[in-house]
Amino acid sequence: MCMTDVLSIAIILRFFSDPVFIPTCLMLSIVGIGFSFCVNLMFNIILTTIIFRKMMATDNKSLKHVVKSR
C-alpha cells in the first residue's frame, strides 16, 4: 500500500460529510493509482531491457569464447 493511497483514504474519511468532495477524492485517487501504475510499467520495461542486453552481451562473449576454444 502506497503513501498516496493512505493519504487519499484519509482525505475521503475526513471530508465524508461533504457529498461533493467524495467523488473528487475518488477521481484523484484513481488518477494517482493510474499514474503510479504507468511509472511502474515504464521502470519495469527499462529494467528488463537493461537486464536483457546484459544477458545478450554475456551470451555473445561466452559464444565467442566457445568458438575460440574449438
PDB file of N, CA and C in Angstrom:
ATOM      1  N   MET A   1       0.850  -1.202   0.000  1.00  0.00           N
ATOM      2  CA  MET A   1       0.000   0.000   0.000  1.00  0.00           C
ATOM      3  C   MET A   1       0.881   1.246   0.000  1.00  0.00           C
ATOM      4  N   CYS A   2       0.633   2.114  -0.965  1.00  0.00           N
ATOM      5  CA  CYS A   2       1.459   3.309  -1.114  1.00  0.00           C
ATOM      6  C   CYS A   2       1.045   4.404  -0.131  1.00  0.00           C
ATOM      7  N   MET A   3       1.906   5.375   0.008  1.00  0.00           N
ATOM      8  CA  MET A   3       1.616   6.526   0.869  1.00  0.00           C
ATOM      9  C   MET A   3       0.474   7.349   0.278  1.00  0.00           C
ATOM     10  N   THR A   4       0.406   7.423  -1.043  1.00  0.00           N
ATOM     11  CA  THR A   4      -0.648   8.214  -1.703  1.00  0.00           C
ATOM     12  C   THR A   4      -2.019   7.596  -1.447  1.00  0.00           C
ATOM     13  N   ASP A   5      -2.085   6.249  -1.449  1.00  0.00           N
ATOM     14  CA  ASP A   5      -3.346   5.560  -1.176  1.00  0.00           C
ATOM     15  C   ASP A   5      -3.829   5.879   0.229  1.00  0.00           C
ATOM     16  N   VAL A   6      -2.905   5.811   1.187  1.00  0.00           N
ATOM     17  CA  VAL A   6      -3.244   6.117   2.585  1.00  0.00           C
ATOM     18  C   VAL A   6      -3.735   7.552   2.697  1.00  0.00           C
ATOM     19  N   LEU A   7      -3.052   8.452   2.008  1.00  0.00           N
ATOM     20  CA  LEU A   7      -3.394   9.877   2.048  1.00  0.00           C
ATOM     21  C   LEU A   7      -4.788  10.114   1.464  1.00  0.00           C
ATOM     22  N   SER A   8      -5.075   9.502   0.327  1.00  0.00           N
ATOM     23  CA  SER A   8      -6.386   9.691  -0.311  1.00  0.00           C
ATOM     24  C   SER A   8      -7.500   9.136   0.563  1.00  0.00           C
ATOM     25  N   ILE A   9      -7.254   7.968   1.199  1.00  0.00           N
ATOM     26  CA  ILE A   9      -8.262   7.368   2.088  1.00  0.00           C
ATOM     27  C   ILE A   9      -8.517   8.297   3.275  1.00  0.00           C
ATOM     28  N   ALA A  10      -7.441   8.869   3.828  1.00  0.00           N
ATOM     29  CA  ALA A  10      -7.571   9.793   4.958  1.00  0.00           C
ATOM     30  C   ALA A  10      -8.392  11.015   4.560  1.00  0.00           C
ATOM     31  N   ILE A  11      -8.119  11.554   3.360  1.00  0.00           N
ATOM     32  CA  ILE A  11      -8.859  12.729   2.870  1.00  0.00           C
ATOM     33  C   ILE A  11     -10.335  12.381   2.698  1.00  0.00           C
ATOM     34  N   ILE A  12     -10.618  11.209   2.118  1.00  0.00           N
ATOM     35  CA  ILE A  12     -12.002  10.777   1.895  1.00  0.00           C
ATOM     36  C   ILE A  12     -12.730  10.650   3.233  1.00  0.00           C
ATOM     37  N   LEU A  13     -12.083  10.024   4.225  1.00  0.00           N
ATOM     38  CA  LEU A  13     -12.693   9.840   5.541  1.00  0.00           C
ATOM     39  C   LEU A  13     -12.920  11.176   6.237  1.00  0.00           C
ATOM     40  N   ARG A  14     -11.998  12.111   6.038  1.00  0.00           N
ATOM     41  CA  ARG A  14     -12.094  13.412   6.701  1.00  0.00           C
ATOM     42  C   ARG A  14     -13.260  14.232   6.144  1.00  0.00           C
ATOM     43  N   PHE A  15     -13.436  14.207   4.827  1.00  0.00           N
ATOM     44  CA  PHE A  15     -14.487  15.008   4.188  1.00  0.00           C
ATOM     45  C   PHE A  15     -15.705  14.167   3.807  1.00  0.00           C
ATOM     46  N   PHE A  16     -15.995  13.146   4.640  1.00  0.00           N
ATOM     47  CA  PHE A  16     -17.110  12.256   4.315  1.00  0.00           C
ATOM     48  C   PHE A  16     -18.450  12.956   4.439  1.00  0.00           C
ATOM     49  N   SER A  17     -18.529  14.024   5.273  1.00  0.00           N
ATOM     50  CA  SER A  17     -19.777  14.760   5.453  1.00  0.00           C
ATOM     51  C   SER A  17     -20.131  15.566   4.204  1.00  0.00           C
ATOM     52  N   ASP A  18     -19.101  16.004   3.468  1.00  0.00           N
ATOM     53  CA  ASP A  18     -19.327  16.793   2.248  1.00  0.00           C
ATOM     54  C   ASP A  18     -19.584  15.846   1.082  1.00  0.00           C
ATOM     55  N   PRO A  19     -20.791  15.853   0.478  1.00  0.00           N
ATOM     56  CA  PRO A  19     -21.122  14.898  -0.590  1.00  0.00           C
ATOM     57  C   PRO A  19     -20.448  15.207  -1.927  1.00  0.00           C
ATOM     58  N   VAL A  20     -20.061  16.466  -2.149  1.00  0.00           N
ATOM     59  CA  VAL A  20     -19.433  16.843  -3.416  1.00  0.00           C
ATOM     60  C   VAL A  20     -17.955  16.436  -3.419  1.00  0.00           C
ATOM     61  N   PHE A  21     -17.339  16.388  -2.241  1.00  0.00           N
ATOM     62  CA  PHE A  21     -15.901  16.174  -2.147  1.00  0.00           C
ATOM     63  C   PHE A  21     -15.503  14.719  -2.355  1.00  0.00           C
ATOM     64  N   ILE A  22     -16.422  13.784  -2.051  1.00  0.00           N
ATOM     65  CA  ILE A  22     -16.092  12.353  -2.138  1.00  0.00           C
ATOM     66  C   ILE A  22     -15.754  11.925  -3.573  1.00  0.00           C
ATOM     67  N   PRO A  23     -16.587  12.249  -4.577  1.00  0.00           N
ATOM     68  CA  PRO A  23     -16.235  11.863  -5.960  1.00  0.00           C
ATOM     69  C   PRO A  23     -14.919  12.471  -6.432  1.00  0.00           C
ATOM     70  N   THR A  24     -14.657  13.713  -6.003  1.00  0.00           N
ATOM     71  CA  THR A  24     -13.403  14.373  -6.372  1.00  0.00           C
ATOM     72  C   THR A  24     -12.221  13.578  -5.836  1.00  0.00           C
ATOM     73  N   CYS A  25     -12.307  13.165  -4.572  1.00  0.00           N
ATOM     74  CA  CYS A  25     -11.237  12.381  -3.952  1.00  0.00           C
ATOM     75  C   CYS A  25     -11.070  11.044  -4.667  1.00  0.00           C
ATOM     76  N   LEU A  26     -12.196  10.415  -4.982  1.00  0.00           N
ATOM     77  CA  LEU A  26     -12.134   9.126  -5.674  1.00  0.00           C
ATOM     78  C   LEU A  26     -11.463   9.287  -7.036  1.00  0.00           C
ATOM     79  N   MET A  27     -11.842  10.357  -7.755  1.00  0.00           N
ATOM     80  CA  MET A  27     -11.228  10.621  -9.061  1.00  0.00           C
ATOM     81  C   MET A  27      -9.720  10.844  -8.922  1.00  0.00           C
ATOM     82  N   LEU A  28      -9.337  11.650  -7.936  1.00  0.00           N
ATOM     83  CA  LEU A  28      -7.921  11.938  -7.703  1.00  0.00           C
ATOM     84  C   LEU A  28      -7.157  10.664  -7.367  1.00  0.00           C
ATOM     85  N   SER A  29      -7.762   9.806  -6.535  1.00  0.00           N
ATOM     86  CA  SER A  29      -7.083   8.566  -6.143  1.00  0.00           C
ATOM     87  C   SER A  29      -6.937   7.632  -7.344  1.00  0.00           C
ATOM     88  N   ILE A  30      -7.980   7.574  -8.199  1.00  0.00           N
ATOM     89  CA  ILE A  30      -7.916   6.734  -9.407  1.00  0.00           C
ATOM     90  C   ILE A  30      -6.807   7.236 -10.335  1.00  0.00           C
ATOM     91  N   VAL A  31      -6.746   8.564 -10.508  1.00  0.00           N
ATOM     92  CA  VAL A  31      -5.709   9.169 -11.365  1.00  0.00           C
ATOM     93  C   VAL A  31      -4.324   8.873 -10.796  1.00  0.00           C
ATOM     94  N   GLY A  32      -4.192   9.003  -9.459  1.00  0.00           N
ATOM     95  CA  GLY A  32      -2.919   8.735  -8.792  1.00  0.00           C
ATOM     96  C   GLY A  32      -2.486   7.287  -8.971  1.00  0.00           C
ATOM     97  N   ILE A  33      -3.444   6.357  -8.819  1.00  0.00           N
ATOM     98  CA  ILE A  33      -3.139   4.927  -8.988  1.00  0.00           C
ATOM     99  C   ILE A  33      -2.704   4.663 -10.431  1.00  0.00           C
ATOM    100  N   GLY A  34      -3.411   5.262 -11.386  1.00  0.00           N
ATOM    101  CA  GLY A  34      -3.069   5.103 -12.798  1.00  0.00           C
ATOM    102  C   GLY A  34      -1.684   5.637 -13.107  1.00  0.00           C
ATOM    103  N   PHE A  35      -1.361   6.801 -12.542  1.00  0.00           N
ATOM    104  CA  PHE A  35      -0.050   7.427 -12.759  1.00  0.00           C
ATOM    105  C   PHE A  35       1.064   6.547 -12.197  1.00  0.00           C
ATOM    106  N   SER A  36       0.860   6.047 -10.959  1.00  0.00           N
ATOM    107  CA  SER A  36       1.881   5.197 -10.329  1.00  0.00           C
ATOM    108  C   SER A  36       2.053   3.905 -11.128  1.00  0.00           C
ATOM    109  N   PHE A  37       0.941   3.369 -11.652  1.00  0.00           N
ATOM    110  CA  PHE A  37       1.000   2.156 -12.466  1.00  0.00           C
ATOM    111  C   PHE A  37       1.822   2.391 -13.735  1.00  0.00           C
ATOM    112  N   CYS A  38       1.587   3.539 -14.385  1.00  0.00           N
ATOM    113  CA  CYS A  38       2.333   3.883 -15.609  1.00  0.00           C
ATOM    114  C   CYS A  38       3.826   4.015 -15.318  1.00  0.00           C
ATOM    115  N   VAL A  39       4.157   4.688 -14.220  1.00  0.00           N
ATOM    116  CA  VAL A  39       5.561   4.882 -13.839  1.00  0.00           C
ATOM    117  C   VAL A  39       6.197   3.518 -13.570  1.00  0.00           C
ATOM    118  N   ASN A  40       5.461   2.664 -12.849  1.00  0.00           N
ATOM    119  CA  ASN A  40       5.928   1.316 -12.535  1.00  0.00           C
ATOM    120  C   ASN A  40       6.213   0.540 -13.813  1.00  0.00           C
ATOM    121  N   LEU A  41       5.280   0.612 -14.766  1.00  0.00           N
ATOM    122  CA  LEU A  41       5.402  -0.110 -16.031  1.00  0.00           C
ATOM    123  C   LEU A  41       6.640   0.354 -16.793  1.00  0.00           C
ATOM    124  N   MET A  42       6.827   1.675 -16.879  1.00  0.00           N
ATOM    125  CA  MET A  42       7.997   2.245 -17.570  1.00  0.00           C
ATOM    126  C   MET A  42       9.289   1.755 -16.928  1.00  0.00           C
ATOM    127  N   PHE A  43       9.330   1.806 -15.573  1.00  0.00           N
ATOM    128  CA  PHE A  43      10.523   1.382 -14.843  1.00  0.00           C
ATOM    129  C   PHE A  43      10.812  -0.090 -15.103  1.00  0.00           C
ATOM    130  N   ASN A  44       9.755  -0.916 -15.085  1.00  0.00           N
ATOM    131  CA  ASN A  44       9.920  -2.353 -15.342  1.00  0.00           C
ATOM    132  C   ASN A  44      10.454  -2.613 -16.740  1.00  0.00           C
ATOM    133  N   ILE A  45       9.926  -1.896 -17.730  1.00  0.00           N
ATOM    134  CA  ILE A  45      10.359  -2.075 -19.122  1.00  0.00           C
ATOM    135  C   ILE A  45      11.845  -1.711 -19.256  1.00  0.00           C
ATOM    136  N   ILE A  46      12.228  -0.562 -18.655  1.00  0.00           N
ATOM    137  CA  ILE A  46      13.625  -0.113 -18.730  1.00  0.00           C
ATOM    138  C   ILE A  46      14.540  -1.136 -18.072  1.00  0.00           C
ATOM    139  N   LEU A  47      14.121  -1.609 -16.881  1.00  0.00           N
ATOM    140  CA  LEU A  47      14.922  -2.573 -16.124  1.00  0.00           C
ATOM    141  C   LEU A  47      15.091  -3.866 -16.914  1.00  0.00           C
ATOM    142  N   THR A  48      13.990  -4.375 -17.486  1.00  0.00           N
ATOM    143  CA  THR A  48      14.065  -5.633 -18.233  1.00  0.00           C
ATOM    144  C   THR A  48      14.944  -5.486 -19.468  1.00  0.00           C
ATOM    145  N   THR A  49      14.873  -4.339 -20.149  1.00  0.00           N
ATOM    146  CA  THR A  49      15.719  -4.148 -21.342  1.00  0.00           C
ATOM    147  C   THR A  49      17.190  -4.133 -20.957  1.00  0.00           C
ATOM    148  N   ILE A  50      17.512  -3.461 -19.835  1.00  0.00           N
ATOM    149  CA  ILE A  50      18.915  -3.409 -19.380  1.00  0.00           C
ATOM    150  C   ILE A  50      19.396  -4.819 -19.044  1.00  0.00           C
ATOM    151  N   ILE A  51      18.577  -5.573 -18.298  1.00  0.00           N
ATOM    152  CA  ILE A  51      18.965  -6.944 -17.906  1.00  0.00           C
ATOM    153  C   ILE A  51      19.119  -7.810 -19.155  1.00  0.00           C
ATOM    154  N   PHE A  52      18.180  -7.688 -20.096  1.00  0.00           N
ATOM    155  CA  PHE A  52      18.197  -8.485 -21.321  1.00  0.00           C
ATOM    156  C   PHE A  52      19.454  -8.191 -22.144  1.00  0.00           C
ATOM    157  N   ARG A  53      19.800  -6.905 -22.254  1.00  0.00           N
ATOM    158  CA  ARG A  53      21.003  -6.518 -23.011  1.00  0.00           C
ATOM    159  C   ARG A  53      22.261  -7.081 -22.358  1.00  0.00           C
ATOM    160  N   LYS A  54      22.312  -7.018 -21.024  1.00  0.00           N
ATOM    161  CA  LYS A  54      23.468  -7.569 -20.307  1.00  0.00           C
ATOM    162  C   LYS A  54      23.561  -9.070 -20.545  1.00  0.00           C
ATOM    163  N   MET A  55      22.414  -9.751 -20.489  1.00  0.00           N
ATOM    164  CA  MET A  55      22.384 -11.193 -20.733  1.00  0.00           C
ATOM    165  C   MET A  55      22.863 -11.501 -22.146  1.00  0.00           C
ATOM    166  N   MET A  56      22.377 -10.721 -23.116  1.00  0.00           N
ATOM    167  CA  MET A  56      22.780 -10.928 -24.514  1.00  0.00           C
ATOM    168  C   MET A  56      24.288 -10.722 -24.667  1.00  0.00           C
ATOM    169  N   ALA A  57      24.807  -9.687 -24.019  1.00  0.00           N
ATOM    170  CA  ALA A  57      26.248  -9.396 -24.102  1.00  0.00           C
ATOM    171  C   ALA A  57      27.050 -10.557 -23.518  1.00  0.00           C
ATOM    172  N   THR A  58      26.621 -11.083 -22.373  1.00  0.00           N
ATOM    173  CA  THR A  58      27.347 -12.197 -21.748  1.00  0.00           C
ATOM    174  C   THR A  58      27.244 -13.446 -22.621  1.00  0.00           C
ATOM    175  N   ASP A  59      26.067 -13.653 -23.222  1.00  0.00           N
ATOM    176  CA  ASP A  59      25.883 -14.798 -24.122  1.00  0.00           C
ATOM    177  C   ASP A  59      26.838 -14.704 -25.310  1.00  0.00           C
ATOM    178  N   ASN A  60      26.940 -13.539 -25.908  1.00  0.00           N
ATOM    179  CA  ASN A  60      27.839 -13.338 -27.045  1.00  0.00           C
ATOM    180  C   ASN A  60      29.291 -13.611 -26.659  1.00  0.00           C
ATOM    181  N   LYS A  61      29.690 -13.121 -25.487  1.00  0.00           N
ATOM    182  CA  LYS A  61      31.061 -13.336 -25.013  1.00  0.00           C
ATOM    183  C   LYS A  61      31.331 -14.826 -24.826  1.00  0.00           C
ATOM    184  N   SER A  62      30.363 -15.516 -24.195  1.00  0.00           N
ATOM    185  CA  SER A  62      30.555 -16.949 -23.936  1.00  0.00           C
ATOM    186  C   SER A  62      30.592 -17.724 -25.257  1.00  0.00           C
ATOM    187  N   LEU A  63      29.757 -17.328 -26.214  1.00  0.00           N
ATOM    188  CA  LEU A  63      29.746 -17.988 -27.517  1.00  0.00           C
ATOM    189  C   LEU A  63      31.090 -17.799 -28.228  1.00  0.00           C
ATOM    190  N   LYS A  64      31.602 -16.575 -28.205  1.00  0.00           N
ATOM    191  CA  LYS A  64      32.905 -16.288 -28.814  1.00  0.00           C
ATOM    192  C   LYS A  64      33.999 -17.110 -28.147  1.00  0.00           C
ATOM    193  N   HIS A  65      33.896 -17.214 -26.813  1.00  0.00           N
ATOM    194  CA  HIS A  65      34.879 -17.981 -26.039  1.00  0.00           C
ATOM    195  C   HIS A  65      34.844 -19.454 -26.464  1.00  0.00           C
ATOM    196  N   VAL A  66      33.623 -19.986 -26.641  1.00  0.00           N
ATOM    197  CA  VAL A  66      33.460 -21.387 -27.056  1.00  0.00           C
ATOM    198  C   VAL A  66      34.055 -21.584 -28.446  1.00  0.00           C
ATOM    199  N   VAL A  67      33.775 -20.639 -29.347  1.00  0.00           N
ATOM    200  CA  VAL A  67      34.282 -20.729 -30.721  1.00  0.00           C
ATOM    201  C   VAL A  67      35.812 -20.688 -30.721  1.00  0.00           C
ATOM    202  N   LYS A  68      36.399 -19.788 -29.924  1.00  0.00           N
ATOM    203  CA  LYS A  68      37.859 -19.666 -29.845  1.00  0.00           C
ATOM    204  C   LYS A  68      38.494 -20.939 -29.282  1.00  0.00           C
ATOM    205  N   SER A  69      37.860 -21.522 -28.266  1.00  0.00           N
ATOM    206  CA  SER A  69      38.428 -22.717 -27.627  1.00  0.00           C
ATOM    207  C   SER A  69      38.424 -23.903 -28.601  1.00  0.00           C
ATOM    208  N   ARG A  70      37.472 -23.954 -29.502  1.00  0.00           N
ATOM    209  CA  ARG A  70      37.418 -25.021 -30.501  1.00  0.00           C
ATOM    210  C   ARG A  70      38.496 -24.765 -31.552  1.00  0.00           C
TER     211      ARG A  70
END
